[in-house]
Amino acid sequence: MSIRDMSRNVSILTVDAYLDSEGKKTHDYKGVIESSRRAEEIKDFLAAKLSKKKKDELAGILQFAGIANGDTGDKSIQELMQQNRITYTSRQET
C-alpha cells in the first residue's frame, strides 16, 4: 500500500496493526507506521532501549575515571582485578 492510498483511507490504522513502508522504485525499507493503540507502548520501549544504551556507554567511560582521578593509587593489578570482579558481580545481581 502506498502512502497516497493510506492518506485516502486512514481507517486502516484504526485496527491493531502496522504498515511497513518501502520505496516505490527501489523497494528500500523506509520504516513502520503504527496505529495509535500501540503508540505509547512503542514510545516506552524505545525510551527504555535508549536509556539502557546511554547507561552502558556511560559505564564504559566511567570505568576509566578511577585511573584519571588517581583512585587506583598504588594498587597492584591483582587488587584492581579483584575490585573489578566485585563491582561486576554486584551489577549482575541488581
PDB file of N, CA and C in Angstrom:
ATOM      1  N   MET A   1       0.839  -1.176   0.000  1.00  0.00           N
ATOM      2  CA  MET A   1       0.000   0.000   0.000  1.00  0.00           C
ATOM      3  C   MET A   1       0.882   1.236   0.000  1.00  0.00           C
ATOM      4  N   SER A   2       0.544   2.181  -0.785  1.00  0.00           N
ATOM      5  CA  SER A   2       1.334   3.408  -0.878  1.00  0.00           C
ATOM      6  C   SER A   2       0.879   4.420   0.168  1.00  0.00           C
ATOM      7  N   ILE A   3       1.708   5.417   0.396  1.00  0.00           N
ATOM      8  CA  ILE A   3       1.370   6.482   1.331  1.00  0.00           C
ATOM      9  C   ILE A   3       0.129   7.231   0.837  1.00  0.00           C
ATOM     10  N   ARG A   4       0.035   7.407  -0.456  1.00  0.00           N
ATOM     11  CA  ARG A   4      -1.124   8.097  -1.032  1.00  0.00           C
ATOM     12  C   ARG A   4      -2.407   7.324  -0.724  1.00  0.00           C
ATOM     13  N   ASP A   5      -2.384   6.009  -0.904  1.00  0.00           N
ATOM     14  CA  ASP A   5      -3.568   5.193  -0.605  1.00  0.00           C
ATOM     15  C   ASP A   5      -3.907   5.243   0.877  1.00  0.00           C
ATOM     16  N   MET A   6      -2.874   5.241   1.713  1.00  0.00           N
ATOM     17  CA  MET A   6      -3.114   5.282   3.147  1.00  0.00           C
ATOM     18  C   MET A   6      -3.723   6.617   3.553  1.00  0.00           C
ATOM     19  N   SER A   7      -3.271   7.715   2.944  1.00  0.00           N
ATOM     20  CA  SER A   7      -3.821   9.020   3.299  1.00  0.00           C
ATOM     21  C   SER A   7      -5.279   9.127   2.882  1.00  0.00           C
ATOM     22  N   ARG A   8      -5.673   8.412   1.868  1.00  0.00           N
ATOM     23  CA  ARG A   8      -7.069   8.415   1.438  1.00  0.00           C
ATOM     24  C   ARG A   8      -7.940   7.531   2.317  1.00  0.00           C
ATOM     25  N   ASN A   9      -7.359   6.521   2.932  1.00  0.00           N
ATOM     26  CA  ASN A   9      -8.128   5.573   3.735  1.00  0.00           C
ATOM     27  C   ASN A   9      -7.420   5.346   5.065  1.00  0.00           C
ATOM     28  N   VAL A  10      -7.489   6.319   5.963  1.00  0.00           N
ATOM     29  CA  VAL A  10      -6.789   6.267   7.243  1.00  0.00           C
ATOM     30  C   VAL A  10      -7.420   5.251   8.182  1.00  0.00           C
ATOM     31  N   SER A  11      -8.622   4.826   7.918  1.00  0.00           N
ATOM     32  CA  SER A  11      -9.299   3.871   8.801  1.00  0.00           C
ATOM     33  C   SER A  11      -8.563   2.544   8.881  1.00  0.00           C
ATOM     34  N   ILE A  12      -7.633   2.308   7.978  1.00  0.00           N
ATOM     35  CA  ILE A  12      -6.837   1.078   8.024  1.00  0.00           C
ATOM     36  C   ILE A  12      -6.041   1.015   9.325  1.00  0.00           C
ATOM     37  N   LEU A  13      -5.570   2.159   9.797  1.00  0.00           N
ATOM     38  CA  LEU A  13      -4.752   2.182  11.011  1.00  0.00           C
ATOM     39  C   LEU A  13      -5.578   2.159  12.298  1.00  0.00           C
ATOM     40  N   THR A  14      -6.872   2.145  12.226  1.00  0.00           N
ATOM     41  CA  THR A  14      -7.663   2.080  13.454  1.00  0.00           C
ATOM     42  C   THR A  14      -7.651   0.686  14.046  1.00  0.00           C
ATOM     43  N   VAL A  15      -7.388  -0.310  13.243  1.00  0.00           N
ATOM     44  CA  VAL A  15      -7.259  -1.663  13.774  1.00  0.00           C
ATOM     45  C   VAL A  15      -5.893  -1.807  14.422  1.00  0.00           C
ATOM     46  N   ASP A  16      -5.707  -2.899  15.127  1.00  0.00           N
ATOM     47  CA  ASP A  16      -4.462  -3.125  15.854  1.00  0.00           C
ATOM     48  C   ASP A  16      -3.417  -3.712  14.910  1.00  0.00           C
ATOM     49  N   ALA A  17      -2.889  -2.891  14.012  1.00  0.00           N
ATOM     50  CA  ALA A  17      -1.957  -3.387  13.010  1.00  0.00           C
ATOM     51  C   ALA A  17      -0.886  -2.338  12.742  1.00  0.00           C
ATOM     52  N   TYR A  18       0.057  -2.698  11.900  1.00  0.00           N
ATOM     53  CA  TYR A  18       1.091  -1.766  11.470  1.00  0.00           C
ATOM     54  C   TYR A  18       1.308  -1.939   9.975  1.00  0.00           C
ATOM     55  N   LEU A  19       1.884  -0.928   9.383  1.00  0.00           N
ATOM     56  CA  LEU A  19       2.188  -0.965   7.960  1.00  0.00           C
ATOM     57  C   LEU A  19       3.684  -0.778   7.766  1.00  0.00           C
ATOM     58  N   ASP A  20       4.301  -1.623   6.968  1.00  0.00           N
ATOM     59  CA  ASP A  20       5.695  -1.446   6.584  1.00  0.00           C
ATOM     60  C   ASP A  20       5.721  -0.517   5.386  1.00  0.00           C
ATOM     61  N   SER A  21       6.667   0.405   5.398  1.00  0.00           N
ATOM     62  CA  SER A  21       6.778   1.361   4.305  1.00  0.00           C
ATOM     63  C   SER A  21       8.063   1.094   3.538  1.00  0.00           C
ATOM     64  N   GLU A  22       7.951   1.048   2.219  1.00  0.00           N
ATOM     65  CA  GLU A  22       9.134   0.853   1.391  1.00  0.00           C
ATOM     66  C   GLU A  22       9.046   1.759   0.181  1.00  0.00           C
ATOM     67  N   GLY A  23      10.213   2.050  -0.404  1.00  0.00           N
ATOM     68  CA  GLY A  23      10.262   2.901  -1.576  1.00  0.00           C
ATOM     69  C   GLY A  23       9.589   2.251  -2.763  1.00  0.00           C
ATOM     70  N   LYS A  24       8.916   3.068  -3.565  1.00  0.00           N
ATOM     71  CA  LYS A  24       8.156   2.529  -4.685  1.00  0.00           C
ATOM     72  C   LYS A  24       9.065   2.001  -5.793  1.00  0.00           C
ATOM     73  N   LYS A  25      10.136   2.738  -6.084  1.00  0.00           N
ATOM     74  CA  LYS A  25      11.022   2.343  -7.182  1.00  0.00           C
ATOM     75  C   LYS A  25      12.122   1.391  -6.732  1.00  0.00           C
ATOM     76  N   THR A  26      12.769   1.722  -5.629  1.00  0.00           N
ATOM     77  CA  THR A  26      13.931   0.940  -5.191  1.00  0.00           C
ATOM     78  C   THR A  26      13.575  -0.174  -4.226  1.00  0.00           C
ATOM     79  N   HIS A  27      12.371  -0.139  -3.677  1.00  0.00           N
ATOM     80  CA  HIS A  27      11.913  -1.134  -2.694  1.00  0.00           C
ATOM     81  C   HIS A  27      12.804  -1.168  -1.450  1.00  0.00           C
ATOM     82  N   ASP A  28      13.408  -0.033  -1.129  1.00  0.00           N
ATOM     83  CA  ASP A  28      14.179   0.090   0.108  1.00  0.00           C
ATOM     84  C   ASP A  28      13.215   0.234   1.280  1.00  0.00           C
ATOM     85  N   TYR A  29      13.554  -0.405   2.383  1.00  0.00           N
ATOM     86  CA  TYR A  29      12.715  -0.333   3.584  1.00  0.00           C
ATOM     87  C   TYR A  29      12.832   1.058   4.179  1.00  0.00           C
ATOM     88  N   LYS A  30      11.716   1.730   4.393  1.00  0.00           N
ATOM     89  CA  LYS A  30      11.700   3.098   4.909  1.00  0.00           C
ATOM     90  C   LYS A  30      11.336   3.166   6.385  1.00  0.00           C
ATOM     91  N   GLY A  31      10.437   2.303   6.832  1.00  0.00           N
ATOM     92  CA  GLY A  31      10.051   2.347   8.231  1.00  0.00           C
ATOM     93  C   GLY A  31       8.715   1.682   8.476  1.00  0.00           C
ATOM     94  N   VAL A  32       8.162   1.964   9.658  1.00  0.00           N
ATOM     95  CA  VAL A  32       6.905   1.355  10.081  1.00  0.00           C
ATOM     96  C   VAL A  32       5.937   2.461  10.466  1.00  0.00           C
ATOM     97  N   ILE A  33       4.697   2.296  10.085  1.00  0.00           N
ATOM     98  CA  ILE A  33       3.625   3.193  10.514  1.00  0.00           C
ATOM     99  C   ILE A  33       2.733   2.374  11.425  1.00  0.00           C
ATOM    100  N   GLU A  34       2.559   2.855  12.642  1.00  0.00           N
ATOM    101  CA  GLU A  34       1.864   2.095  13.684  1.00  0.00           C
ATOM    102  C   GLU A  34       0.552   2.779  14.046  1.00  0.00           C
ATOM    103  N   SER A  35      -0.434   1.992  14.438  1.00  0.00           N
ATOM    104  CA  SER A  35      -1.709   2.552  14.878  1.00  0.00           C
ATOM    105  C   SER A  35      -1.538   3.235  16.225  1.00  0.00           C
ATOM    106  N   SER A  36      -2.463   4.105  16.558  1.00  0.00           N
ATOM    107  CA  SER A  36      -2.358   4.881  17.795  1.00  0.00           C
ATOM    108  C   SER A  36      -2.559   4.018  19.035  1.00  0.00           C
ATOM    109  N   ARG A  37      -3.120   2.843  18.881  1.00  0.00           N
ATOM    110  CA  ARG A  37      -3.344   1.975  20.037  1.00  0.00           C
ATOM    111  C   ARG A  37      -2.040   1.522  20.686  1.00  0.00           C
ATOM    112  N   ARG A  38      -1.020   1.363  19.907  1.00  0.00           N
ATOM    113  CA  ARG A  38       0.260   0.878  20.447  1.00  0.00           C
ATOM    114  C   ARG A  38       1.334   1.951  20.490  1.00  0.00           C
ATOM    115  N   ALA A  39       0.993   3.176  20.192  1.00  0.00           N
ATOM    116  CA  ALA A  39       1.994   4.248  20.124  1.00  0.00           C
ATOM    117  C   ALA A  39       2.715   4.441  21.457  1.00  0.00           C
ATOM    118  N   GLU A  40       1.980   4.496  22.562  1.00  0.00           N
ATOM    119  CA  GLU A  40       2.599   4.700  23.876  1.00  0.00           C
ATOM    120  C   GLU A  40       3.500   3.529  24.248  1.00  0.00           C
ATOM    121  N   GLU A  41       3.067   2.328  23.943  1.00  0.00           N
ATOM    122  CA  GLU A  41       3.865   1.134  24.232  1.00  0.00           C
ATOM    123  C   GLU A  41       5.194   1.177  23.471  1.00  0.00           C
ATOM    124  N   ILE A  42       5.148   1.588  22.225  1.00  0.00           N
ATOM    125  CA  ILE A  42       6.363   1.673  21.410  1.00  0.00           C
ATOM    126  C   ILE A  42       7.266   2.792  21.913  1.00  0.00           C
ATOM    127  N   LYS A  43       6.681   3.930  22.286  1.00  0.00           N
ATOM    128  CA  LYS A  43       7.477   5.038  22.834  1.00  0.00           C
ATOM    129  C   LYS A  43       8.199   4.609  24.107  1.00  0.00           C
ATOM    130  N   ASP A  44       7.483   3.901  24.992  1.00  0.00           N
ATOM    131  CA  ASP A  44       8.095   3.431  26.242  1.00  0.00           C
ATOM    132  C   ASP A  44       9.224   2.447  25.963  1.00  0.00           C
ATOM    133  N   PHE A  45       9.003   1.545  25.004  1.00  0.00           N
ATOM    134  CA  PHE A  45      10.030   0.571  24.639  1.00  0.00           C
ATOM    135  C   PHE A  45      11.280   1.267  24.110  1.00  0.00           C
ATOM    136  N   LEU A  46      11.102   2.237  23.215  1.00  0.00           N
ATOM    137  CA  LEU A  46      12.248   2.953  22.649  1.00  0.00           C
ATOM    138  C   LEU A  46      12.961   3.791  23.697  1.00  0.00           C
ATOM    139  N   ALA A  47      12.210   4.407  24.607  1.00  0.00           N
ATOM    140  CA  ALA A  47      12.828   5.194  25.674  1.00  0.00           C
ATOM    141  C   ALA A  47      13.676   4.300  26.581  1.00  0.00           C
ATOM    142  N   ALA A  48      13.175   3.117  26.912  1.00  0.00           N
ATOM    143  CA  ALA A  48      13.937   2.185  27.748  1.00  0.00           C
ATOM    144  C   ALA A  48      15.190   1.698  27.025  1.00  0.00           C
ATOM    145  N   LYS A  49      15.065   1.442  25.740  1.00  0.00           N
ATOM    146  CA  LYS A  49      16.208   0.979  24.961  1.00  0.00           C
ATOM    147  C   LYS A  49      17.288   2.056  24.872  1.00  0.00           C
ATOM    148  N   LEU A  50      16.881   3.301  24.618  1.00  0.00           N
ATOM    149  CA  LEU A  50      17.847   4.397  24.557  1.00  0.00           C
ATOM    150  C   LEU A  50      18.487   4.653  25.914  1.00  0.00           C
ATOM    151  N   SER A  51      17.702   4.541  26.976  1.00  0.00           N
ATOM    152  CA  SER A  51      18.230   4.731  28.323  1.00  0.00           C
ATOM    153  C   SER A  51      19.289   3.678  28.652  1.00  0.00           C
ATOM    154  N   LYS A  52      19.032   2.428  28.285  1.00  0.00           N
ATOM    155  CA  LYS A  52      19.999   1.358  28.531  1.00  0.00           C
ATOM    156  C   LYS A  52      21.275   1.589  27.732  1.00  0.00           C
ATOM    157  N   LYS A  53      21.134   2.021  26.496  1.00  0.00           N
ATOM    158  CA  LYS A  53      22.306   2.282  25.660  1.00  0.00           C
ATOM    159  C   LYS A  53      23.165   3.396  26.260  1.00  0.00           C
ATOM    160  N   LYS A  54      22.517   4.475  26.711  1.00  0.00           N
ATOM    161  CA  LYS A  54      23.258   5.578  27.323  1.00  0.00           C
ATOM    162  C   LYS A  54      23.935   5.133  28.617  1.00  0.00           C
ATOM    163  N   LYS A  55      23.231   4.323  29.401  1.00  0.00           N
ATOM    164  CA  LYS A  55      23.788   3.834  30.667  1.00  0.00           C
ATOM    165  C   LYS A  55      25.013   2.959  30.416  1.00  0.00           C
ATOM    166  N   ASP A  56      24.941   2.089  29.403  1.00  0.00           N
ATOM    167  CA  ASP A  56      26.070   1.228  29.067  1.00  0.00           C
ATOM    168  C   ASP A  56      27.269   2.036  28.572  1.00  0.00           C
ATOM    169  N   GLU A  57      27.007   3.058  27.744  1.00  0.00           N
ATOM    170  CA  GLU A  57      28.095   3.901  27.263  1.00  0.00           C
ATOM    171  C   GLU A  57      28.746   4.659  28.415  1.00  0.00           C
ATOM    172  N   LEU A  58      27.924   5.164  29.332  1.00  0.00           N
ATOM    173  CA  LEU A  58      28.449   5.888  30.478  1.00  0.00           C
ATOM    174  C   LEU A  58      29.276   4.979  31.379  1.00  0.00           C
ATOM    175  N   ALA A  59      28.815   3.754  31.570  1.00  0.00           N
ATOM    176  CA  ALA A  59      29.568   2.797  32.390  1.00  0.00           C
ATOM    177  C   ALA A  59      30.914   2.488  31.740  1.00  0.00           C
ATOM    178  N   GLY A  60      30.931   2.383  30.413  1.00  0.00           N
ATOM    179  CA  GLY A  60      32.187   2.144  29.703  1.00  0.00           C
ATOM    180  C   GLY A  60      33.167   3.283  29.864  1.00  0.00           C
ATOM    181  N   ILE A  61      32.659   4.498  29.874  1.00  0.00           N
ATOM    182  CA  ILE A  61      33.525   5.670  30.050  1.00  0.00           C
ATOM    183  C   ILE A  61      34.004   5.778  31.491  1.00  0.00           C
ATOM    184  N   LEU A  62      33.100   5.539  32.426  1.00  0.00           N
ATOM    185  CA  LEU A  62      33.433   5.713  33.845  1.00  0.00           C
ATOM    186  C   LEU A  62      34.385   4.650  34.380  1.00  0.00           C
ATOM    187  N   GLN A  63      34.551   3.550  33.670  1.00  0.00           N
ATOM    188  CA  GLN A  63      35.494   2.547  34.156  1.00  0.00           C
ATOM    189  C   GLN A  63      36.921   3.083  34.138  1.00  0.00           C
ATOM    190  N   PHE A  64      37.170   4.091  33.296  1.00  0.00           N
ATOM    191  CA  PHE A  64      38.499   4.695  33.246  1.00  0.00           C
ATOM    192  C   PHE A  64      38.609   5.938  34.113  1.00  0.00           C
ATOM    193  N   ALA A  65      37.504   6.387  34.702  1.00  0.00           N
ATOM    194  CA  ALA A  65      37.523   7.597  35.517  1.00  0.00           C
ATOM    195  C   ALA A  65      38.383   7.423  36.763  1.00  0.00           C
ATOM    196  N   GLY A  66      38.389   6.231  37.330  1.00  0.00           N
ATOM    197  CA  GLY A  66      39.210   5.991  38.515  1.00  0.00           C
ATOM    198  C   GLY A  66      40.691   6.158  38.221  1.00  0.00           C
ATOM    199  N   ILE A  67      41.114   5.777  37.032  1.00  0.00           N
ATOM    200  CA  ILE A  67      42.514   5.930  36.647  1.00  0.00           C
ATOM    201  C   ILE A  67      42.862   7.409  36.538  1.00  0.00           C
ATOM    202  N   ALA A  68      41.959   8.199  35.957  1.00  0.00           N
ATOM    203  CA  ALA A  68      42.210   9.623  35.769  1.00  0.00           C
ATOM    204  C   ALA A  68      42.207  10.371  37.101  1.00  0.00           C
ATOM    205  N   ASN A  69      41.360   9.948  38.044  1.00  0.00           N
ATOM    206  CA  ASN A  69      41.279  10.614  39.338  1.00  0.00           C
ATOM    207  C   ASN A  69      42.376  10.171  40.296  1.00  0.00           C
ATOM    208  N   GLY A  70      43.076   9.122  39.959  1.00  0.00           N
ATOM    209  CA  GLY A  70      44.095   8.612  40.857  1.00  0.00           C
ATOM    210  C   GLY A  70      43.532   7.694  41.916  1.00  0.00           C
ATOM    211  N   ASP A  71      42.321   7.198  41.743  1.00  0.00           N
ATOM    212  CA  ASP A  71      41.708   6.304  42.729  1.00  0.00           C
ATOM    213  C   ASP A  71      42.415   4.961  42.807  1.00  0.00           C
ATOM    214  N   THR A  72      43.141   4.621  41.751  1.00  0.00           N
ATOM    215  CA  THR A  72      43.820   3.334  41.757  1.00  0.00           C
ATOM    216  C   THR A  72      44.993   3.344  42.712  1.00  0.00           C
ATOM    217  N   GLY A  73      45.547   4.501  42.943  1.00  0.00           N
ATOM    218  CA  GLY A  73      46.632   4.632  43.911  1.00  0.00           C
ATOM    219  C   GLY A  73      47.786   3.703  43.608  1.00  0.00           C
ATOM    220  N   ASP A  74      48.245   2.999  44.619  1.00  0.00           N
ATOM    221  CA  ASP A  74      49.366   2.083  44.481  1.00  0.00           C
ATOM    222  C   ASP A  74      48.903   0.636  44.477  1.00  0.00           C
ATOM    223  N   LYS A  75      47.703   0.377  43.986  1.00  0.00           N
ATOM    224  CA  LYS A  75      47.184  -0.983  43.978  1.00  0.00           C
ATOM    225  C   LYS A  75      47.846  -1.786  42.866  1.00  0.00           C
ATOM    226  N   SER A  76      48.039  -3.055  43.159  1.00  0.00           N
ATOM    227  CA  SER A  76      48.599  -3.942  42.142  1.00  0.00           C
ATOM    228  C   SER A  76      47.506  -4.344  41.161  1.00  0.00           C
ATOM    229  N   ILE A  77      47.910  -4.974  40.075  1.00  0.00           N
ATOM    230  CA  ILE A  77      46.947  -5.421  39.072  1.00  0.00           C
ATOM    231  C   ILE A  77      45.993  -6.453  39.657  1.00  0.00           C
ATOM    232  N   GLN A  78      46.469  -7.289  40.559  1.00  0.00           N
ATOM    233  CA  GLN A  78      45.613  -8.293  41.185  1.00  0.00           C
ATOM    234  C   GLN A  78      44.532  -7.623  42.040  1.00  0.00           C
ATOM    235  N   GLU A  79      44.899  -6.590  42.779  1.00  0.00           N
ATOM    236  CA  GLU A  79      43.927  -5.877  43.606  1.00  0.00           C
ATOM    237  C   GLU A  79      42.884  -5.164  42.743  1.00  0.00           C
ATOM    238  N   LEU A  80      43.324  -4.582  41.640  1.00  0.00           N
ATOM    239  CA  LEU A  80      42.396  -3.912  40.734  1.00  0.00           C
ATOM    240  C   LEU A  80      41.437  -4.907  40.089  1.00  0.00           C
ATOM    241  N   MET A  81      41.940  -6.071  39.711  1.00  0.00           N
ATOM    242  CA  MET A  81      41.088  -7.092  39.107  1.00  0.00           C
ATOM    243  C   MET A  81      40.073  -7.619  40.124  1.00  0.00           C
ATOM    244  N   GLN A  82      40.505  -7.790  41.378  1.00  0.00           N
ATOM    245  CA  GLN A  82      39.604  -8.222  42.435  1.00  0.00           C
ATOM    246  C   GLN A  82      38.498  -7.187  42.653  1.00  0.00           C
ATOM    247  N   GLN A  83      38.863  -5.926  42.682  1.00  0.00           N
ATOM    248  CA  GLN A  83      37.888  -4.847  42.851  1.00  0.00           C
ATOM    249  C   GLN A  83      36.913  -4.817  41.671  1.00  0.00           C
ATOM    250  N   ASN A  84      37.420  -5.023  40.468  1.00  0.00           N
ATOM    251  CA  ASN A  84      36.579  -5.037  39.276  1.00  0.00           C
ATOM    252  C   ASN A  84      35.616  -6.227  39.307  1.00  0.00           C
ATOM    253  N   ARG A  85      36.096  -7.382  39.759  1.00  0.00           N
ATOM    254  CA  ARG A  85      35.251  -8.564  39.863  1.00  0.00           C
ATOM    255  C   ARG A  85      34.098  -8.332  40.840  1.00  0.00           C
ATOM    256  N   ILE A  86      34.380  -7.708  41.956  1.00  0.00           N
ATOM    257  CA  ILE A  86      33.345  -7.409  42.956  1.00  0.00           C
ATOM    258  C   ILE A  86      32.316  -6.451  42.369  1.00  0.00           C
ATOM    259  N   THR A  87      32.778  -5.426  41.683  1.00  0.00           N
ATOM    260  CA  THR A  87      31.878  -4.459  41.055  1.00  0.00           C
ATOM    261  C   THR A  87      31.026  -5.125  39.986  1.00  0.00           C
ATOM    262  N   TYR A  88      31.629  -5.984  39.192  1.00  0.00           N
ATOM    263  CA  TYR A  88      30.905  -6.656  38.095  1.00  0.00           C
ATOM    264  C   TYR A  88      29.836  -7.587  38.630  1.00  0.00           C
ATOM    265  N   THR A  89      30.152  -8.359  39.676  1.00  0.00           N
ATOM    266  CA  THR A  89      29.154  -9.280  40.225  1.00  0.00           C
ATOM    267  C   THR A  89      28.022  -8.534  40.910  1.00  0.00           C
ATOM    268  N   SER A  90      28.316  -7.405  41.533  1.00  0.00           N
ATOM    269  CA  SER A  90      27.252  -6.639  42.176  1.00  0.00           C
ATOM    270  C   SER A  90      26.326  -6.022  41.126  1.00  0.00           C
ATOM    271  N   ARG A  91      26.827  -5.667  39.951  1.00  0.00           N
ATOM    272  CA  ARG A  91      25.993  -5.132  38.874  1.00  0.00           C
ATOM    273  C   ARG A  91      25.083  -6.218  38.317  1.00  0.00           C
ATOM    274  N   GLN A  92      25.575  -7.439  38.248  1.00  0.00           N
ATOM    275  CA  GLN A  92      24.761  -8.531  37.698  1.00  0.00           C
ATOM    276  C   GLN A  92      23.647  -8.919  38.660  1.00  0.00           C
ATOM    277  N   GLU A  93      23.868  -8.777  39.949  1.00  0.00           N
ATOM    278  CA  GLU A  93      22.859  -9.143  40.939  1.00  0.00           C
ATOM    279  C   GLU A  93      21.696  -8.172  40.947  1.00  0.00           C
ATOM    280  N   THR A  94      21.955  -6.905  40.574  1.00  0.00           N
ATOM    281  CA  THR A  94      20.868  -5.903  40.603  1.00  0.00           C
ATOM    282  C   THR A  94      20.113  -5.867  39.323  1.00  0.00           C
TER     283      THR A  94
END
